[in-house]
ModelCIF file with pLDDT and N, C-alpha, C, O atoms, coordinates in Angstrom:
data_MODEL
#
_entry.id   MODEL 
#
_entity.id                         1 
_entity.type                       polymer 
_entity.pdbx_number_of_molecules   1 
#
_entity_poly.entity_id                      1 
_entity_poly.type                           'polypeptide(L)' 
_entity_poly.nstd_linkage                   no 
_entity_poly.nstd_monomer                   no 
_entity_poly.pdbx_seq_one_letter_code       QDIAAARVATWDVKYLGKKNIALLYSEDEWGNQCMTYYKAQVERLGG 
_entity_poly.pdbx_seq_one_letter_code_can   QDIAAARVATWDVKYLGKKNIALLYSEDEWGNQCMTYYKAQVERLGG 
_entity_poly.pdbx_strand_id                 A 
#
loop_
_entity_poly_seq.entity_id 
_entity_poly_seq.num 
_entity_poly_seq.mon_id 
_entity_poly_seq.hetero 
1 1  GLN n 
1 2  ASP n 
1 3  ILE n 
1 4  ALA n 
1 5  ALA n 
1 6  ALA n 
1 7  ARG n 
1 8  VAL n 
1 9  ALA n 
1 10 THR n 
1 11 TRP n 
1 12 ASP n 
1 13 VAL n 
1 14 LYS n 
1 15 TYR n 
1 16 LEU n 
1 17 GLY n 
1 18 LYS n 
1 19 LYS n 
1 20 ASN n 
1 21 ILE n 
1 22 ALA n 
1 23 LEU n 
1 24 LEU n 
1 25 TYR n 
1 26 SER n 
1 27 GLU n 
1 28 ASP n 
1 29 GLU n 
1 30 TRP n 
1 31 GLY n 
1 32 ASN n 
1 33 GLN n 
1 34 CYS n 
1 35 MET n 
1 36 THR n 
1 37 TYR n 
1 38 TYR n 
1 39 LYS n 
1 40 ALA n 
1 41 GLN n 
1 42 VAL n 
1 43 GLU n 
1 44 ARG n 
1 45 LEU n 
1 46 GLY n 
1 47 GLY n 
#
_struct_asym.id          A 
_struct_asym.entity_id   1 
#
loop_
_ma_qa_metric.id 
_ma_qa_metric.mode 
_ma_qa_metric.name 
_ma_qa_metric.software_group_id 
_ma_qa_metric.type 
1 global pLDDT . pLDDT 
2 local  pLDDT . pLDDT 
#
_ma_qa_metric_global.metric_id      1 
_ma_qa_metric_global.metric_value   92.85 
_ma_qa_metric_global.model_id       1 
_ma_qa_metric_global.ordinal_id     1 
#
loop_
_ma_qa_metric_local.label_asym_id 
_ma_qa_metric_local.label_comp_id 
_ma_qa_metric_local.label_seq_id 
_ma_qa_metric_local.metric_id 
_ma_qa_metric_local.metric_value 
_ma_qa_metric_local.model_id 
_ma_qa_metric_local.ordinal_id 
A GLN 1  2 90.00 1 1  
A ASP 2  2 91.00 1 2  
A ILE 3  2 92.00 1 3  
A ALA 4  2 92.00 1 4  
A ALA 5  2 94.00 1 5  
A ALA 6  2 95.00 1 6  
A ARG 7  2 95.00 1 7  
A VAL 8  2 95.00 1 8  
A ALA 9  2 96.00 1 9  
A THR 10 2 96.00 1 10 
A TRP 11 2 97.00 1 11 
A ASP 12 2 96.00 1 12 
A VAL 13 2 96.00 1 13 
A LYS 14 2 94.00 1 14 
A TYR 15 2 94.00 1 15 
A LEU 16 2 95.00 1 16 
A GLY 17 2 95.00 1 17 
A LYS 18 2 93.00 1 18 
A LYS 19 2 90.00 1 19 
A ASN 20 2 92.00 1 20 
A ILE 21 2 93.00 1 21 
A ALA 22 2 92.00 1 22 
A LEU 23 2 92.00 1 23 
A LEU 24 2 90.00 1 24 
A TYR 25 2 91.00 1 25 
A SER 26 2 89.00 1 26 
A GLU 27 2 87.00 1 27 
A ASP 28 2 85.00 1 28 
A GLU 29 2 85.00 1 29 
A TRP 30 2 87.00 1 30 
A GLY 31 2 89.00 1 31 
A ASN 32 2 90.00 1 32 
A GLN 33 2 91.00 1 33 
A CYS 34 2 92.00 1 34 
A MET 35 2 94.00 1 35 
A THR 36 2 94.00 1 36 
A TYR 37 2 95.00 1 37 
A TYR 38 2 95.00 1 38 
A LYS 39 2 95.00 1 39 
A ALA 40 2 95.00 1 40 
A GLN 41 2 96.00 1 41 
A VAL 42 2 96.00 1 42 
A GLU 43 2 95.00 1 43 
A ARG 44 2 95.00 1 44 
A LEU 45 2 95.00 1 45 
A GLY 46 2 94.00 1 46 
A GLY 47 2 94.00 1 47 
#
loop_
_atom_site.group_PDB 
_atom_site.id 
_atom_site.type_symbol 
_atom_site.label_atom_id 
_atom_site.label_alt_id 
_atom_site.label_comp_id 
_atom_site.label_asym_id 
_atom_site.label_entity_id 
_atom_site.label_seq_id 
_atom_site.pdbx_PDB_ins_code 
_atom_site.Cartn_x 
_atom_site.Cartn_y 
_atom_site.Cartn_z 
_atom_site.occupancy 
_atom_site.B_iso_or_equiv 
_atom_site.pdbx_formal_charge 
_atom_site.auth_seq_id 
_atom_site.auth_comp_id 
_atom_site.auth_asym_id 
_atom_site.auth_atom_id 
_atom_site.pdbx_PDB_model_num 
ATOM 1   N N  . GLN A 1 1  ? 139.949 114.786 109.923 1.00 90.00 ? 1  GLN A N  1 
ATOM 2   C CA . GLN A 1 1  ? 140.643 114.006 110.995 1.00 90.00 ? 1  GLN A CA 1 
ATOM 3   C C  . GLN A 1 1  ? 140.063 114.657 112.392 1.00 90.00 ? 1  GLN A C  1 
ATOM 4   O O  . GLN A 1 1  ? 139.809 113.894 113.324 1.00 90.00 ? 1  GLN A O  1 
ATOM 5   N N  . ASP A 1 2  ? 139.860 116.046 112.524 1.00 91.00 ? 2  ASP A N  1 
ATOM 6   C CA . ASP A 1 2  ? 139.568 116.493 113.627 1.00 91.00 ? 2  ASP A CA 1 
ATOM 7   C C  . ASP A 1 2  ? 138.198 115.877 114.270 1.00 91.00 ? 2  ASP A C  1 
ATOM 8   O O  . ASP A 1 2  ? 138.031 115.702 115.477 1.00 91.00 ? 2  ASP A O  1 
ATOM 9   N N  . ILE A 1 3  ? 137.280 115.592 113.278 1.00 92.00 ? 3  ILE A N  1 
ATOM 10  C CA . ILE A 1 3  ? 136.090 115.085 113.540 1.00 92.00 ? 3  ILE A CA 1 
ATOM 11  C C  . ILE A 1 3  ? 136.162 113.364 113.521 1.00 92.00 ? 3  ILE A C  1 
ATOM 12  O O  . ILE A 1 3  ? 135.609 112.768 114.445 1.00 92.00 ? 3  ILE A O  1 
ATOM 13  N N  . ALA A 1 4  ? 136.769 112.688 112.580 1.00 92.00 ? 4  ALA A N  1 
ATOM 14  C CA . ALA A 1 4  ? 136.974 111.341 112.291 1.00 92.00 ? 4  ALA A CA 1 
ATOM 15  C C  . ALA A 1 4  ? 137.642 110.652 113.569 1.00 92.00 ? 4  ALA A C  1 
ATOM 16  O O  . ALA A 1 4  ? 137.057 109.742 114.156 1.00 92.00 ? 4  ALA A O  1 
ATOM 17  N N  . ALA A 1 5  ? 138.828 111.100 113.953 1.00 94.00 ? 5  ALA A N  1 
ATOM 18  C CA . ALA A 1 5  ? 139.544 110.577 114.782 1.00 94.00 ? 5  ALA A CA 1 
ATOM 19  C C  . ALA A 1 5  ? 138.927 110.719 116.319 1.00 94.00 ? 5  ALA A C  1 
ATOM 20  O O  . ALA A 1 5  ? 139.005 109.795 117.130 1.00 94.00 ? 5  ALA A O  1 
ATOM 21  N N  . ALA A 1 6  ? 138.347 111.911 116.593 1.00 95.00 ? 6  ALA A N  1 
ATOM 22  C CA . ALA A 1 6  ? 137.607 112.109 117.863 1.00 95.00 ? 6  ALA A CA 1 
ATOM 23  C C  . ALA A 1 6  ? 136.467 111.168 117.961 1.00 95.00 ? 6  ALA A C  1 
ATOM 24  O O  . ALA A 1 6  ? 136.181 110.693 119.060 1.00 95.00 ? 6  ALA A O  1 
ATOM 25  N N  . ARG A 1 7  ? 135.721 110.828 116.785 1.00 95.00 ? 7  ARG A N  1 
ATOM 26  C CA . ARG A 1 7  ? 134.632 109.979 116.841 1.00 95.00 ? 7  ARG A CA 1 
ATOM 27  C C  . ARG A 1 7  ? 135.054 108.474 117.227 1.00 95.00 ? 7  ARG A C  1 
ATOM 28  O O  . ARG A 1 7  ? 134.375 107.738 117.944 1.00 95.00 ? 7  ARG A O  1 
ATOM 29  N N  . VAL A 1 8  ? 136.224 108.152 116.663 1.00 95.00 ? 8  VAL A N  1 
ATOM 30  C CA . VAL A 1 8  ? 136.623 106.786 116.997 1.00 95.00 ? 8  VAL A CA 1 
ATOM 31  C C  . VAL A 1 8  ? 137.069 106.752 118.402 1.00 95.00 ? 8  VAL A C  1 
ATOM 32  O O  . VAL A 1 8  ? 136.724 105.786 119.083 1.00 95.00 ? 8  VAL A O  1 
ATOM 33  N N  . ALA A 1 9  ? 137.841 107.747 118.960 1.00 96.00 ? 9  ALA A N  1 
ATOM 34  C CA . ALA A 1 9  ? 138.124 107.868 120.497 1.00 96.00 ? 9  ALA A CA 1 
ATOM 35  C C  . ALA A 1 9  ? 136.779 107.769 121.344 1.00 96.00 ? 9  ALA A C  1 
ATOM 36  O O  . ALA A 1 9  ? 136.656 106.996 122.294 1.00 96.00 ? 9  ALA A O  1 
ATOM 37  N N  . THR A 1 10 ? 135.886 108.544 120.945 1.00 96.00 ? 10 THR A N  1 
ATOM 38  C CA . THR A 1 10 ? 134.639 108.474 121.619 1.00 96.00 ? 10 THR A CA 1 
ATOM 39  C C  . THR A 1 10 ? 133.867 106.872 121.663 1.00 96.00 ? 10 THR A C  1 
ATOM 40  O O  . THR A 1 10 ? 133.436 106.310 122.669 1.00 96.00 ? 10 THR A O  1 
ATOM 41  N N  . TRP A 1 11 ? 133.855 106.436 120.455 1.00 97.00 ? 11 TRP A N  1 
ATOM 42  C CA . TRP A 1 11 ? 133.536 105.072 120.290 1.00 97.00 ? 11 TRP A CA 1 
ATOM 43  C C  . TRP A 1 11 ? 134.222 104.191 121.274 1.00 97.00 ? 11 TRP A C  1 
ATOM 44  O O  . TRP A 1 11 ? 133.572 103.342 121.885 1.00 97.00 ? 11 TRP A O  1 
ATOM 45  N N  . ASP A 1 12 ? 135.558 104.354 121.470 1.00 96.00 ? 12 ASP A N  1 
ATOM 46  C CA . ASP A 1 12 ? 136.434 103.209 122.215 1.00 96.00 ? 12 ASP A CA 1 
ATOM 47  C C  . ASP A 1 12 ? 136.165 103.552 123.665 1.00 96.00 ? 12 ASP A C  1 
ATOM 48  O O  . ASP A 1 12 ? 136.151 102.627 124.478 1.00 96.00 ? 12 ASP A O  1 
ATOM 49  N N  . VAL A 1 13 ? 135.961 104.732 124.043 1.00 96.00 ? 13 VAL A N  1 
ATOM 50  C CA . VAL A 1 13 ? 135.961 105.049 125.418 1.00 96.00 ? 13 VAL A CA 1 
ATOM 51  C C  . VAL A 1 13 ? 134.544 104.854 125.983 1.00 96.00 ? 13 VAL A C  1 
ATOM 52  O O  . VAL A 1 13 ? 134.341 104.060 126.902 1.00 96.00 ? 13 VAL A O  1 
ATOM 53  N N  . LYS A 1 14 ? 133.535 105.613 125.405 1.00 94.00 ? 14 LYS A N  1 
ATOM 54  C CA . LYS A 1 14 ? 132.019 105.539 125.732 1.00 94.00 ? 14 LYS A CA 1 
ATOM 55  C C  . LYS A 1 14 ? 131.391 104.253 125.464 1.00 94.00 ? 14 LYS A C  1 
ATOM 56  O O  . LYS A 1 14 ? 130.723 103.716 126.348 1.00 94.00 ? 14 LYS A O  1 
ATOM 57  N N  . TYR A 1 15 ? 131.561 103.654 124.200 1.00 94.00 ? 15 TYR A N  1 
ATOM 58  C CA . TYR A 1 15 ? 130.716 102.556 123.812 1.00 94.00 ? 15 TYR A CA 1 
ATOM 59  C C  . TYR A 1 15 ? 131.478 101.157 124.334 1.00 94.00 ? 15 TYR A C  1 
ATOM 60  O O  . TYR A 1 15 ? 130.910 100.298 125.008 1.00 94.00 ? 15 TYR A O  1 
ATOM 61  N N  . LEU A 1 16 ? 132.761 101.100 123.928 1.00 95.00 ? 16 LEU A N  1 
ATOM 62  C CA . LEU A 1 16 ? 133.609 99.895  124.294 1.00 95.00 ? 16 LEU A CA 1 
ATOM 63  C C  . LEU A 1 16 ? 133.829 99.886  125.734 1.00 95.00 ? 16 LEU A C  1 
ATOM 64  O O  . LEU A 1 16 ? 133.864 98.796  126.305 1.00 95.00 ? 16 LEU A O  1 
ATOM 65  N N  . GLY A 1 17 ? 134.007 101.159 126.511 1.00 95.00 ? 17 GLY A N  1 
ATOM 66  C CA . GLY A 1 17 ? 134.260 101.210 127.761 1.00 95.00 ? 17 GLY A CA 1 
ATOM 67  C C  . GLY A 1 17 ? 135.729 100.837 128.131 1.00 95.00 ? 17 GLY A C  1 
ATOM 68  O O  . GLY A 1 17 ? 136.051 100.277 129.178 1.00 95.00 ? 17 GLY A O  1 
ATOM 69  N N  . LYS A 1 18 ? 136.610 101.236 127.097 1.00 93.00 ? 18 LYS A N  1 
ATOM 70  C CA . LYS A 1 18 ? 138.012 101.198 127.241 1.00 93.00 ? 18 LYS A CA 1 
ATOM 71  C C  . LYS A 1 18 ? 138.725 102.317 127.975 1.00 93.00 ? 18 LYS A C  1 
ATOM 72  O O  . LYS A 1 18 ? 138.568 103.415 127.442 1.00 93.00 ? 18 LYS A O  1 
ATOM 73  N N  . LYS A 1 19 ? 139.334 102.305 128.870 1.00 90.00 ? 19 LYS A N  1 
ATOM 74  C CA . LYS A 1 19 ? 139.901 103.436 129.710 1.00 90.00 ? 19 LYS A CA 1 
ATOM 75  C C  . LYS A 1 19 ? 141.375 103.521 129.468 1.00 90.00 ? 19 LYS A C  1 
ATOM 76  O O  . LYS A 1 19 ? 141.897 104.627 129.323 1.00 90.00 ? 19 LYS A O  1 
ATOM 77  N N  . ASN A 1 20 ? 142.137 102.325 129.410 1.00 92.00 ? 20 ASN A N  1 
ATOM 78  C CA . ASN A 1 20 ? 143.693 102.251 129.110 1.00 92.00 ? 20 ASN A CA 1 
ATOM 79  C C  . ASN A 1 20 ? 143.806 101.868 127.649 1.00 92.00 ? 20 ASN A C  1 
ATOM 80  O O  . ASN A 1 20 ? 143.399 100.787 127.223 1.00 92.00 ? 20 ASN A O  1 
ATOM 81  N N  . ILE A 1 21 ? 144.299 102.674 126.999 1.00 93.00 ? 21 ILE A N  1 
ATOM 82  C CA . ILE A 1 21 ? 144.445 102.537 125.567 1.00 93.00 ? 21 ILE A CA 1 
ATOM 83  C C  . ILE A 1 21 ? 145.948 102.565 125.004 1.00 93.00 ? 21 ILE A C  1 
ATOM 84  O O  . ILE A 1 21 ? 146.651 103.530 125.302 1.00 93.00 ? 21 ILE A O  1 
ATOM 85  N N  . ALA A 1 22 ? 146.416 101.632 124.272 1.00 92.00 ? 22 ALA A N  1 
ATOM 86  C CA . ALA A 1 22 ? 147.781 101.942 123.506 1.00 92.00 ? 22 ALA A CA 1 
ATOM 87  C C  . ALA A 1 22 ? 147.378 102.292 122.109 1.00 92.00 ? 22 ALA A C  1 
ATOM 88  O O  . ALA A 1 22 ? 146.485 101.704 121.499 1.00 92.00 ? 22 ALA A O  1 
ATOM 89  N N  . LEU A 1 23 ? 148.073 103.265 121.647 1.00 92.00 ? 23 LEU A N  1 
ATOM 90  C CA . LEU A 1 23 ? 147.782 103.837 120.442 1.00 92.00 ? 23 LEU A CA 1 
ATOM 91  C C  . LEU A 1 23 ? 149.049 103.545 119.403 1.00 92.00 ? 23 LEU A C  1 
ATOM 92  O O  . LEU A 1 23 ? 150.185 103.927 119.680 1.00 92.00 ? 23 LEU A O  1 
ATOM 93  N N  . LEU A 1 24 ? 148.760 102.884 118.275 1.00 90.00 ? 24 LEU A N  1 
ATOM 94  C CA . LEU A 1 24 ? 149.704 102.653 117.326 1.00 90.00 ? 24 LEU A CA 1 
ATOM 95  C C  . LEU A 1 24 ? 149.380 103.354 115.911 1.00 90.00 ? 24 LEU A C  1 
ATOM 96  O O  . LEU A 1 24 ? 148.365 103.047 115.287 1.00 90.00 ? 24 LEU A O  1 
ATOM 97  N N  . TYR A 1 25 ? 150.230 104.241 115.475 1.00 91.00 ? 25 TYR A N  1 
ATOM 98  C CA . TYR A 1 25 ? 149.955 105.108 114.280 1.00 91.00 ? 25 TYR A CA 1 
ATOM 99  C C  . TYR A 1 25 ? 151.099 105.310 113.386 1.00 91.00 ? 25 TYR A C  1 
ATOM 100 O O  . TYR A 1 25 ? 152.257 105.231 113.797 1.00 91.00 ? 25 TYR A O  1 
ATOM 101 N N  . SER A 1 26 ? 150.754 105.602 112.016 1.00 89.00 ? 26 SER A N  1 
ATOM 102 C CA . SER A 1 26 ? 151.769 105.561 111.122 1.00 89.00 ? 26 SER A CA 1 
ATOM 103 C C  . SER A 1 26 ? 152.489 107.001 111.236 1.00 89.00 ? 26 SER A C  1 
ATOM 104 O O  . SER A 1 26 ? 151.897 108.042 111.520 1.00 89.00 ? 26 SER A O  1 
ATOM 105 N N  . GLU A 1 27 ? 153.744 106.893 110.991 1.00 87.00 ? 27 GLU A N  1 
ATOM 106 C CA . GLU A 1 27 ? 154.608 108.219 111.152 1.00 87.00 ? 27 GLU A CA 1 
ATOM 107 C C  . GLU A 1 27 ? 154.517 108.866 109.671 1.00 87.00 ? 27 GLU A C  1 
ATOM 108 O O  . GLU A 1 27 ? 155.391 108.709 108.819 1.00 87.00 ? 27 GLU A O  1 
ATOM 109 N N  . ASP A 1 28 ? 153.395 109.575 109.497 1.00 85.00 ? 28 ASP A N  1 
ATOM 110 C CA . ASP A 1 28 ? 153.302 110.559 108.331 1.00 85.00 ? 28 ASP A CA 1 
ATOM 111 C C  . ASP A 1 28 ? 152.340 111.573 108.655 1.00 85.00 ? 28 ASP A C  1 
ATOM 112 O O  . ASP A 1 28 ? 151.958 111.665 109.822 1.00 85.00 ? 28 ASP A O  1 
ATOM 113 N N  . GLU A 1 29 ? 151.902 112.345 107.771 1.00 85.00 ? 29 GLU A N  1 
ATOM 114 C CA . GLU A 1 29 ? 150.995 113.652 108.063 1.00 85.00 ? 29 GLU A CA 1 
ATOM 115 C C  . GLU A 1 29 ? 149.647 113.054 108.536 1.00 85.00 ? 29 GLU A C  1 
ATOM 116 O O  . GLU A 1 29 ? 149.145 113.495 109.570 1.00 85.00 ? 29 GLU A O  1 
ATOM 117 N N  . TRP A 1 30 ? 149.077 112.139 107.879 1.00 87.00 ? 30 TRP A N  1 
ATOM 118 C CA . TRP A 1 30 ? 147.830 111.598 108.018 1.00 87.00 ? 30 TRP A CA 1 
ATOM 119 C C  . TRP A 1 30 ? 147.746 110.934 109.498 1.00 87.00 ? 30 TRP A C  1 
ATOM 120 O O  . TRP A 1 30 ? 146.817 111.172 110.270 1.00 87.00 ? 30 TRP A O  1 
ATOM 121 N N  . GLY A 1 31 ? 148.796 110.101 109.786 1.00 89.00 ? 31 GLY A N  1 
ATOM 122 C CA . GLY A 1 31 ? 148.946 109.218 111.087 1.00 89.00 ? 31 GLY A CA 1 
ATOM 123 C C  . GLY A 1 31 ? 149.088 110.246 112.312 1.00 89.00 ? 31 GLY A C  1 
ATOM 124 O O  . GLY A 1 31 ? 148.492 110.130 113.383 1.00 89.00 ? 31 GLY A O  1 
ATOM 125 N N  . ASN A 1 32 ? 150.029 111.327 111.950 1.00 90.00 ? 32 ASN A N  1 
ATOM 126 C CA . ASN A 1 32 ? 150.188 112.265 113.156 1.00 90.00 ? 32 ASN A CA 1 
ATOM 127 C C  . ASN A 1 32 ? 148.846 113.081 113.342 1.00 90.00 ? 32 ASN A C  1 
ATOM 128 O O  . ASN A 1 32 ? 148.604 113.480 114.481 1.00 90.00 ? 32 ASN A O  1 
ATOM 129 N N  . GLN A 1 33 ? 147.997 113.349 112.379 1.00 91.00 ? 33 GLN A N  1 
ATOM 130 C CA . GLN A 1 33 ? 146.862 114.177 112.644 1.00 91.00 ? 33 GLN A CA 1 
ATOM 131 C C  . GLN A 1 33 ? 145.889 113.137 113.416 1.00 91.00 ? 33 GLN A C  1 
ATOM 132 O O  . GLN A 1 33 ? 145.244 113.548 114.380 1.00 91.00 ? 33 GLN A O  1 
ATOM 133 N N  . CYS A 1 34 ? 145.785 111.817 113.001 1.00 92.00 ? 34 CYS A N  1 
ATOM 134 C CA . CYS A 1 34 ? 145.021 110.907 113.624 1.00 92.00 ? 34 CYS A CA 1 
ATOM 135 C C  . CYS A 1 34 ? 145.283 110.778 114.968 1.00 92.00 ? 34 CYS A C  1 
ATOM 136 O O  . CYS A 1 34 ? 144.334 110.792 115.751 1.00 92.00 ? 34 CYS A O  1 
ATOM 137 N N  . MET A 1 35 ? 146.645 110.630 115.451 1.00 94.00 ? 35 MET A N  1 
ATOM 138 C CA . MET A 1 35 ? 147.045 110.585 116.732 1.00 94.00 ? 35 MET A CA 1 
ATOM 139 C C  . MET A 1 35 ? 146.825 111.822 117.629 1.00 94.00 ? 35 MET A C  1 
ATOM 140 O O  . MET A 1 35 ? 146.520 111.762 118.820 1.00 94.00 ? 35 MET A O  1 
ATOM 141 N N  . THR A 1 36 ? 147.016 112.947 116.914 1.00 94.00 ? 36 THR A N  1 
ATOM 142 C CA . THR A 1 36 ? 146.662 114.309 117.751 1.00 94.00 ? 36 THR A CA 1 
ATOM 143 C C  . THR A 1 36 ? 145.242 114.422 118.229 1.00 94.00 ? 36 THR A C  1 
ATOM 144 O O  . THR A 1 36 ? 144.976 114.749 119.386 1.00 94.00 ? 36 THR A O  1 
ATOM 145 N N  . TYR A 1 37 ? 144.339 114.147 117.325 1.00 95.00 ? 37 TYR A N  1 
ATOM 146 C CA . TYR A 1 37 ? 142.892 114.387 117.684 1.00 95.00 ? 37 TYR A CA 1 
ATOM 147 C C  . TYR A 1 37 ? 142.298 113.169 118.420 1.00 95.00 ? 37 TYR A C  1 
ATOM 148 O O  . TYR A 1 37 ? 141.286 113.322 119.104 1.00 95.00 ? 37 TYR A O  1 
ATOM 149 N N  . TYR A 1 38 ? 142.928 111.889 118.297 1.00 95.00 ? 38 TYR A N  1 
ATOM 150 C CA . TYR A 1 38 ? 142.382 110.609 118.893 1.00 95.00 ? 38 TYR A CA 1 
ATOM 151 C C  . TYR A 1 38 ? 142.793 110.951 120.487 1.00 95.00 ? 38 TYR A C  1 
ATOM 152 O O  . TYR A 1 38 ? 141.992 110.876 121.418 1.00 95.00 ? 38 TYR A O  1 
ATOM 153 N N  . LYS A 1 39 ? 144.242 111.352 120.614 1.00 95.00 ? 39 LYS A N  1 
ATOM 154 C CA . LYS A 1 39 ? 144.672 111.367 122.078 1.00 95.00 ? 39 LYS A CA 1 
ATOM 155 C C  . LYS A 1 39 ? 144.010 112.347 122.829 1.00 95.00 ? 39 LYS A C  1 
ATOM 156 O O  . LYS A 1 39 ? 143.769 112.157 124.021 1.00 95.00 ? 39 LYS A O  1 
ATOM 157 N N  . ALA A 1 40 ? 143.609 113.655 122.090 1.00 95.00 ? 40 ALA A N  1 
ATOM 158 C CA . ALA A 1 40 ? 142.941 114.801 122.830 1.00 95.00 ? 40 ALA A CA 1 
ATOM 159 C C  . ALA A 1 40 ? 141.660 114.352 123.305 1.00 95.00 ? 40 ALA A C  1 
ATOM 160 O O  . ALA A 1 40 ? 141.352 114.620 124.466 1.00 95.00 ? 40 ALA A O  1 
ATOM 161 N N  . GLN A 1 41 ? 140.771 113.625 122.476 1.00 96.00 ? 41 GLN A N  1 
ATOM 162 C CA . GLN A 1 41 ? 139.539 113.199 122.653 1.00 96.00 ? 41 GLN A CA 1 
ATOM 163 C C  . GLN A 1 41 ? 139.582 112.015 124.006 1.00 96.00 ? 41 GLN A C  1 
ATOM 164 O O  . GLN A 1 41 ? 138.874 112.110 125.008 1.00 96.00 ? 41 GLN A O  1 
ATOM 165 N N  . VAL A 1 42 ? 140.341 111.184 123.808 1.00 96.00 ? 42 VAL A N  1 
ATOM 166 C CA . VAL A 1 42 ? 140.579 110.139 124.856 1.00 96.00 ? 42 VAL A CA 1 
ATOM 167 C C  . VAL A 1 42 ? 140.787 110.824 126.180 1.00 96.00 ? 42 VAL A C  1 
ATOM 168 O O  . VAL A 1 42 ? 140.110 110.511 127.159 1.00 96.00 ? 42 VAL A O  1 
ATOM 169 N N  . GLU A 1 43 ? 141.719 111.759 126.221 1.00 95.00 ? 43 GLU A N  1 
ATOM 170 C CA . GLU A 1 43 ? 142.073 112.470 127.462 1.00 95.00 ? 43 GLU A CA 1 
ATOM 171 C C  . GLU A 1 43 ? 140.843 113.294 128.100 1.00 95.00 ? 43 GLU A C  1 
ATOM 172 O O  . GLU A 1 43 ? 140.578 113.348 129.301 1.00 95.00 ? 43 GLU A O  1 
ATOM 173 N N  . ARG A 1 44 ? 140.149 113.923 127.052 1.00 95.00 ? 44 ARG A N  1 
ATOM 174 C CA . ARG A 1 44 ? 138.879 114.709 127.374 1.00 95.00 ? 44 ARG A CA 1 
ATOM 175 C C  . ARG A 1 44 ? 137.744 113.966 127.965 1.00 95.00 ? 44 ARG A C  1 
ATOM 176 O O  . ARG A 1 44 ? 136.851 114.493 128.629 1.00 95.00 ? 44 ARG A O  1 
ATOM 177 N N  . LEU A 1 45 ? 137.848 112.543 127.642 1.00 95.00 ? 45 LEU A N  1 
ATOM 178 C CA . LEU A 1 45 ? 136.738 111.714 128.065 1.00 95.00 ? 45 LEU A CA 1 
ATOM 179 C C  . LEU A 1 45 ? 137.154 110.986 129.330 1.00 95.00 ? 45 LEU A C  1 
ATOM 180 O O  . LEU A 1 45 ? 136.403 110.165 129.856 1.00 95.00 ? 45 LEU A O  1 
ATOM 181 N N  . GLY A 1 46 ? 138.327 111.278 129.807 1.00 94.00 ? 46 GLY A N  1 
ATOM 182 C CA . GLY A 1 46 ? 138.884 110.533 131.217 1.00 94.00 ? 46 GLY A CA 1 
ATOM 183 C C  . GLY A 1 46 ? 139.570 109.283 130.818 1.00 94.00 ? 46 GLY A C  1 
ATOM 184 O O  . GLY A 1 46 ? 139.767 108.419 131.673 1.00 94.00 ? 46 GLY A O  1 
ATOM 185 N N  . GLY A 1 47 ? 139.918 109.128 129.699 1.00 94.00 ? 47 GLY A N  1 
ATOM 186 C CA . GLY A 1 47 ? 140.600 107.738 129.432 1.00 94.00 ? 47 GLY A CA 1 
ATOM 187 C C  . GLY A 1 47 ? 142.222 108.111 129.459 1.00 94.00 ? 47 GLY A C  1 
ATOM 188 O O  . GLY A 1 47 ? 143.061 107.228 129.278 1.00 94.00 ? 47 GLY A O  1 
#
């Protein structure tokens, strides 16, 4: 997930050009990992 979720975030911000994003995730270990790494990458890219 540290790679997969970050790749999705990069696609959303850099390819789709989305800067303001609402994130909906499942409340379990898998969902929490997705959220953590996705959120970090979005913020790293200026989203």
